[in-house]
Amino acid sequence: MLAEAFVISTVLIAIGEIGDKTQLLSFALAQRYRAPWLILSGVLLATLLNHGLSVWLGAAVAQLLPHNLLVWLLGGSFILLGVWMLIPDKEESVENGRRWGAFTAAFVLFFLAEIGDKTQVATVALAARFPEDYWAVLSGSTLGMVAANVPVIWLGARLTNPVFETWAHRISAALFILLGLITLIAA
């Protein structure tokens, strides 16, 4: 179960992050500061903190709700996340970040942008799906987030391709809907 939670979390978050507002924010930060290691460090720390809270919340929800209700909520949540993945995000502004420095701007702006974001909601749902695998979901969701943002931070505009982003959103949507259906059928 541990490996399954890690792999599913990594893949779903990585694919779900492609074209997401936080990935666009990473791109904007890279364009503004041209300090990839500092930006990546800020993104990593913000993700660990944000997703750590998300995993804790998901595991707590899993303990509080009756199993049958939890299964239906999870299945429905994954399906809704799949549909949500089809809605494109808008780029975040980094105007206030100029005075903070690359690391601080990346940490603060990324943490705030991730609140209520698709990948944060997905992390909560994954933690509720795998409540006994807290560290696997946290490390998987963090690795997925970093894996999706590293190319954007380093290669910037070369990887900005609307066709690629559209297909990534469609594949991510299909995977979330599939996971939702599997969760409901397995119940």
C-alpha atoms as a PDB file:
ATOM      1  CA  MET A   1       0.000   0.000   0.000  1.00  0.00           C
ATOM      2  CA  LEU A   2       2.907   2.350   0.806  1.00  0.00           C
ATOM      3  CA  ALA A   3       4.367   2.121  -2.714  1.00  0.00           C
ATOM      4  CA  GLU A   4       0.904   2.467  -4.243  1.00  0.00           C
ATOM      5  CA  ALA A   5       0.187   5.649  -2.258  1.00  0.00           C
ATOM      6  CA  PHE A   6       3.580   7.109  -3.201  1.00  0.00           C
ATOM      7  CA  VAL A   7       3.323   6.315  -6.918  1.00  0.00           C
ATOM      8  CA  ILE A   8      -0.288   7.433  -7.288  1.00  0.00           C
ATOM      9  CA  SER A   9       0.408  10.661  -5.376  1.00  0.00           C
ATOM     10  CA  THR A  10       3.517  11.425  -7.423  1.00  0.00           C
ATOM     11  CA  VAL A  11       1.924  10.761 -10.806  1.00  0.00           C
ATOM     12  CA  LEU A  12      -1.408  12.496 -10.151  1.00  0.00           C
ATOM     13  CA  ILE A  13       0.157  15.612  -8.641  1.00  0.00           C
ATOM     14  CA  ALA A  14       2.879  15.867 -11.314  1.00  0.00           C
ATOM     15  CA  ILE A  15       0.414  15.590 -14.174  1.00  0.00           C
ATOM     16  CA  GLY A  16      -2.165  17.737 -12.387  1.00  0.00           C
ATOM     17  CA  GLU A  17       0.404  20.507 -11.880  1.00  0.00           C
ATOM     18  CA  ILE A  18       1.142  20.888 -15.600  1.00  0.00           C
ATOM     19  CA  GLY A  19      -0.363  24.177 -16.718  1.00  0.00           C
ATOM     20  CA  ASP A  20      -1.624  24.878 -13.194  1.00  0.00           C
ATOM     21  CA  LYS A  21      -1.476  28.419 -11.783  1.00  0.00           C
ATOM     22  CA  THR A  22       1.362  27.486  -9.428  1.00  0.00           C
ATOM     23  CA  GLN A  23       3.403  26.169 -12.352  1.00  0.00           C
ATOM     24  CA  LEU A  24       2.717  29.421 -14.200  1.00  0.00           C
ATOM     25  CA  LEU A  25       3.818  31.236 -11.049  1.00  0.00           C
ATOM     26  CA  SER A  26       7.102  29.261 -11.064  1.00  0.00           C
ATOM     27  CA  PHE A  27       7.611  30.305 -14.673  1.00  0.00           C
ATOM     28  CA  ALA A  28       6.971  33.975 -13.837  1.00  0.00           C
ATOM     29  CA  LEU A  29       9.336  33.826 -10.858  1.00  0.00           C
ATOM     30  CA  ALA A  30      12.043  32.234 -13.016  1.00  0.00           C
ATOM     31  CA  GLN A  31      11.618  34.970 -15.609  1.00  0.00           C
ATOM     32  CA  ARG A  32      11.825  37.718 -12.992  1.00  0.00           C
ATOM     33  CA  TYR A  33      14.654  36.480 -10.757  1.00  0.00           C
ATOM     34  CA  ARG A  34      16.678  34.063 -12.899  1.00  0.00           C
ATOM     35  CA  ALA A  35      17.731  32.272  -9.691  1.00  0.00           C
ATOM     36  CA  PRO A  36      16.515  28.689 -10.266  1.00  0.00           C
ATOM     37  CA  TRP A  37      17.991  27.115  -7.113  1.00  0.00           C
ATOM     38  CA  LEU A  38      16.488  29.743  -4.840  1.00  0.00           C
ATOM     39  CA  ILE A  39      13.104  29.504  -6.568  1.00  0.00           C
ATOM     40  CA  LEU A  40      13.150  25.699  -6.439  1.00  0.00           C
ATOM     41  CA  SER A  41      14.064  25.826  -2.735  1.00  0.00           C
ATOM     42  CA  GLY A  42      11.144  28.170  -2.047  1.00  0.00           C
ATOM     43  CA  VAL A  43       8.756  25.974  -4.043  1.00  0.00           C
ATOM     44  CA  LEU A  44       9.973  22.825  -2.241  1.00  0.00           C
ATOM     45  CA  LEU A  45       9.602  24.312   1.242  1.00  0.00           C
ATOM     46  CA  ALA A  46       6.199  25.845   0.439  1.00  0.00           C
ATOM     47  CA  THR A  47       4.997  22.515  -0.971  1.00  0.00           C
ATOM     48  CA  LEU A  48       6.217  20.531   2.046  1.00  0.00           C
ATOM     49  CA  LEU A  49       4.439  22.888   4.428  1.00  0.00           C
ATOM     50  CA  ASN A  50       1.236  23.216   2.388  1.00  0.00           C
ATOM     51  CA  HIS A  51       0.946  19.536   1.484  1.00  0.00           C
ATOM     52  CA  GLY A  52       1.980  18.484   4.992  1.00  0.00           C
ATOM     53  CA  LEU A  53      -1.062  20.348   6.315  1.00  0.00           C
ATOM     54  CA  SER A  54      -3.165  18.890   3.489  1.00  0.00           C
ATOM     55  CA  VAL A  55      -2.111  15.316   4.254  1.00  0.00           C
ATOM     56  CA  TRP A  56      -2.809  15.845   7.947  1.00  0.00           C
ATOM     57  CA  LEU A  57      -6.283  17.178   7.098  1.00  0.00           C
ATOM     58  CA  GLY A  58      -7.009  14.285   4.722  1.00  0.00           C
ATOM     59  CA  ALA A  59      -5.934  11.681   7.284  1.00  0.00           C
ATOM     60  CA  ALA A  60      -8.048  13.388   9.981  1.00  0.00           C
ATOM     61  CA  VAL A  61     -11.104  13.392   7.722  1.00  0.00           C
ATOM     62  CA  ALA A  62     -10.567   9.687   7.026  1.00  0.00           C
ATOM     63  CA  GLN A  63     -10.671   8.946  10.772  1.00  0.00           C
ATOM     64  CA  LEU A  64     -13.747  11.071  11.460  1.00  0.00           C
ATOM     65  CA  LEU A  65     -16.086   9.865   8.718  1.00  0.00           C
ATOM     66  CA  PRO A  66     -17.741   6.453   8.469  1.00  0.00           C
ATOM     67  CA  HIS A  67     -16.066   4.248   5.850  1.00  0.00           C
ATOM     68  CA  ASN A  68     -19.042   4.071   3.466  1.00  0.00           C
ATOM     69  CA  LEU A  69     -19.512   7.843   3.461  1.00  0.00           C
ATOM     70  CA  LEU A  70     -15.768   8.380   3.044  1.00  0.00           C
ATOM     71  CA  VAL A  71     -15.653   6.063   0.006  1.00  0.00           C
ATOM     72  CA  TRP A  72     -18.491   7.928  -1.701  1.00  0.00           C
ATOM     73  CA  LEU A  73     -16.971  11.317  -0.864  1.00  0.00           C
ATOM     74  CA  LEU A  74     -13.561  10.232  -2.143  1.00  0.00           C
ATOM     75  CA  GLY A  75     -14.917   8.703  -5.335  1.00  0.00           C
ATOM     76  CA  GLY A  76     -16.972  11.803  -6.021  1.00  0.00           C
ATOM     77  CA  SER A  77     -14.066  14.093  -5.101  1.00  0.00           C
ATOM     78  CA  PHE A  78     -11.695  12.382  -7.509  1.00  0.00           C
ATOM     79  CA  ILE A  79     -14.278  12.602 -10.299  1.00  0.00           C
ATOM     80  CA  LEU A  80     -14.895  16.306  -9.552  1.00  0.00           C
ATOM     81  CA  LEU A  81     -11.133  16.918  -9.479  1.00  0.00           C
ATOM     82  CA  GLY A  82     -10.945  15.279 -12.896  1.00  0.00           C
ATOM     83  CA  VAL A  83     -13.563  17.657 -14.245  1.00  0.00           C
ATOM     84  CA  TRP A  84     -11.844  20.613 -12.512  1.00  0.00           C
ATOM     85  CA  MET A  85      -8.578  19.697 -14.261  1.00  0.00           C
ATOM     86  CA  LEU A  86     -10.221  20.582 -17.567  1.00  0.00           C
ATOM     87  CA  ILE A  87     -10.654  24.223 -16.474  1.00  0.00           C
ATOM     88  CA  PRO A  88      -7.504  26.222 -17.334  1.00  0.00           C
ATOM     89  CA  ASP A  89      -5.804  28.330 -14.658  1.00  0.00           C
ATOM     90  CA  LYS A  90      -4.700  31.943 -14.959  1.00  0.00           C
ATOM     91  CA  GLU A  91      -1.170  33.168 -14.351  1.00  0.00           C
ATOM     92  CA  GLU A  92      -0.398  34.588 -10.914  1.00  0.00           C
ATOM     93  CA  SER A  93       1.112  38.040 -10.530  1.00  0.00           C
ATOM     94  CA  VAL A  94       4.576  38.387  -8.980  1.00  0.00           C
ATOM     95  CA  GLU A  95       4.690  42.187  -8.721  1.00  0.00           C
ATOM     96  CA  ASN A  96       4.900  42.219  -4.909  1.00  0.00           C
ATOM     97  CA  GLY A  97       7.677  39.621  -4.964  1.00  0.00           C
ATOM     98  CA  ARG A  98      10.298  41.929  -6.499  1.00  0.00           C
ATOM     99  CA  ARG A  99      11.357  43.362  -3.150  1.00  0.00           C
ATOM    100  CA  TRP A 100      11.425  40.023  -1.291  1.00  0.00           C
ATOM    101  CA  GLY A 101      14.165  38.159  -3.106  1.00  0.00           C
ATOM    102  CA  ALA A 102      13.838  34.957  -5.097  1.00  0.00           C
ATOM    103  CA  PHE A 103      13.583  32.449  -2.232  1.00  0.00           C
ATOM    104  CA  THR A 104      11.153  34.447  -0.084  1.00  0.00           C
ATOM    105  CA  ALA A 105       8.989  35.421  -3.064  1.00  0.00           C
ATOM    106  CA  ALA A 106       8.846  31.801  -4.259  1.00  0.00           C
ATOM    107  CA  PHE A 107       8.053  30.469  -0.781  1.00  0.00           C
ATOM    108  CA  VAL A 108       5.358  33.013   0.139  1.00  0.00           C
ATOM    109  CA  LEU A 109       3.695  33.343  -3.261  1.00  0.00           C
ATOM    110  CA  PHE A 110       3.774  29.601  -3.981  1.00  0.00           C
ATOM    111  CA  PHE A 111       2.388  28.704  -0.546  1.00  0.00           C
ATOM    112  CA  LEU A 112      -0.450  31.229  -0.903  1.00  0.00           C
ATOM    113  CA  ALA A 113      -1.203  30.268  -4.523  1.00  0.00           C
ATOM    114  CA  GLU A 114      -1.397  26.597  -3.546  1.00  0.00           C
ATOM    115  CA  ILE A 115      -4.132  27.224  -0.935  1.00  0.00           C
ATOM    116  CA  GLY A 116      -7.339  25.821  -2.380  1.00  0.00           C
ATOM    117  CA  ASP A 117      -5.549  24.818  -5.581  1.00  0.00           C
ATOM    118  CA  LYS A 118      -6.391  21.623  -7.444  1.00  0.00           C
ATOM    119  CA  THR A 119      -3.197  19.895  -6.347  1.00  0.00           C
ATOM    120  CA  GLN A 120      -3.790  20.813  -2.701  1.00  0.00           C
ATOM    121  CA  VAL A 121      -7.344  19.496  -2.826  1.00  0.00           C
ATOM    122  CA  ALA A 122      -6.030  16.378  -4.586  1.00  0.00           C
ATOM    123  CA  THR A 123      -3.448  15.900  -1.810  1.00  0.00           C
ATOM    124  CA  VAL A 124      -6.178  16.093   0.849  1.00  0.00           C
ATOM    125  CA  ALA A 125      -8.216  13.514  -1.090  1.00  0.00           C
ATOM    126  CA  LEU A 126      -5.200  11.239  -1.582  1.00  0.00           C
ATOM    127  CA  ALA A 127      -4.401  11.396   2.142  1.00  0.00           C
ATOM    128  CA  ALA A 128      -8.002  10.480   2.932  1.00  0.00           C
ATOM    129  CA  ARG A 129      -7.727   7.605   0.432  1.00  0.00           C
ATOM    130  CA  PHE A 130      -4.445   6.400   1.981  1.00  0.00           C
ATOM    131  CA  PRO A 131      -4.712   7.606   5.619  1.00  0.00           C
ATOM    132  CA  GLU A 132      -2.176   5.141   6.981  1.00  0.00           C
ATOM    133  CA  ASP A 133       0.425   6.204   4.409  1.00  0.00           C
ATOM    134  CA  TYR A 134       0.906   9.827   5.499  1.00  0.00           C
ATOM    135  CA  TRP A 135       4.589  10.018   4.552  1.00  0.00           C
ATOM    136  CA  ALA A 136       4.091   8.252   1.221  1.00  0.00           C
ATOM    137  CA  VAL A 137       1.379  10.704   0.173  1.00  0.00           C
ATOM    138  CA  LEU A 138       3.382  13.720   1.401  1.00  0.00           C
ATOM    139  CA  SER A 139       6.612  12.642  -0.265  1.00  0.00           C
ATOM    140  CA  GLY A 140       4.786  11.583  -3.439  1.00  0.00           C
ATOM    141  CA  SER A 141       2.785  14.805  -3.750  1.00  0.00           C
ATOM    142  CA  THR A 142       5.898  16.890  -3.038  1.00  0.00           C
ATOM    143  CA  LEU A 143       7.974  14.945  -5.569  1.00  0.00           C
ATOM    144  CA  GLY A 144       5.189  15.331  -8.142  1.00  0.00           C
ATOM    145  CA  MET A 145       5.001  19.073  -7.524  1.00  0.00           C
ATOM    146  CA  VAL A 146       8.767  19.520  -7.779  1.00  0.00           C
ATOM    147  CA  ALA A 147       9.013  17.269 -10.854  1.00  0.00           C
ATOM    148  CA  ALA A 148       6.421  19.378 -12.663  1.00  0.00           C
ATOM    149  CA  ASN A 149       8.034  22.685 -11.680  1.00  0.00           C
ATOM    150  CA  VAL A 150      11.733  21.926 -12.264  1.00  0.00           C
ATOM    151  CA  PRO A 151      11.496  22.044 -16.077  1.00  0.00           C
ATOM    152  CA  VAL A 152       9.511  25.289 -15.960  1.00  0.00           C
ATOM    153  CA  ILE A 153      11.964  26.901 -13.584  1.00  0.00           C
ATOM    154  CA  TRP A 154      15.020  25.885 -15.641  1.00  0.00           C
ATOM    155  CA  LEU A 155      13.774  25.954 -19.185  1.00  0.00           C
ATOM    156  CA  GLY A 156      11.133  28.665 -18.900  1.00  0.00           C
ATOM    157  CA  ALA A 157       9.518  29.625 -22.161  1.00  0.00           C
ATOM    158  CA  ARG A 158      10.909  26.641 -24.093  1.00  0.00           C
ATOM    159  CA  LEU A 159       8.445  24.327 -22.373  1.00  0.00           C
ATOM    160  CA  THR A 160       5.448  26.643 -22.552  1.00  0.00           C
ATOM    161  CA  ASN A 161       3.309  24.896 -25.103  1.00  0.00           C
ATOM    162  CA  PRO A 162      -0.484  25.302 -24.960  1.00  0.00           C
ATOM    163  CA  VAL A 163      -1.087  22.015 -26.830  1.00  0.00           C
ATOM    164  CA  PHE A 164       1.081  20.098 -24.333  1.00  0.00           C
ATOM    165  CA  GLU A 165      -0.697  21.745 -21.387  1.00  0.00           C
ATOM    166  CA  THR A 166      -4.127  20.957 -22.837  1.00  0.00           C
ATOM    167  CA  TRP A 167      -3.277  17.268 -23.256  1.00  0.00           C
ATOM    168  CA  ALA A 168      -1.679  17.125 -19.800  1.00  0.00           C
ATOM    169  CA  HIS A 169      -4.903  18.511 -18.307  1.00  0.00           C
ATOM    170  CA  ARG A 170      -6.974  15.965 -20.245  1.00  0.00           C
ATOM    171  CA  ILE A 171      -4.777  13.042 -19.169  1.00  0.00           C
ATOM    172  CA  SER A 172      -4.807  14.266 -15.569  1.00  0.00           C
ATOM    173  CA  ALA A 173      -8.600  14.624 -15.702  1.00  0.00           C
ATOM    174  CA  ALA A 174      -8.949  11.090 -17.052  1.00  0.00           C
ATOM    175  CA  LEU A 175      -6.665   9.687 -14.318  1.00  0.00           C
ATOM    176  CA  PHE A 176      -8.607  11.440 -11.537  1.00  0.00           C
ATOM    177  CA  ILE A 177     -11.941  10.281 -12.946  1.00  0.00           C
ATOM    178  CA  LEU A 178     -10.560   6.736 -13.302  1.00  0.00           C
ATOM    179  CA  LEU A 179      -9.305   6.781  -9.694  1.00  0.00           C
ATOM    180  CA  GLY A 180     -12.737   8.023  -8.578  1.00  0.00           C
ATOM    181  CA  LEU A 181     -14.501   5.249 -10.448  1.00  0.00           C
ATOM    182  CA  ILE A 182     -12.090   2.615  -9.109  1.00  0.00           C
ATOM    183  CA  THR A 183     -12.664   3.923  -5.567  1.00  0.00           C
ATOM    184  CA  LEU A 184     -16.443   3.702  -6.003  1.00  0.00           C
ATOM    185  CA  ILE A 185     -16.368   0.281  -7.683  1.00  0.00           C
ATOM    186  CA  ALA A 186     -13.982  -1.176  -5.079  1.00  0.00           C
ATOM    187  CA  ALA A 187     -16.448  -0.189  -2.360  1.00  0.00           C
END
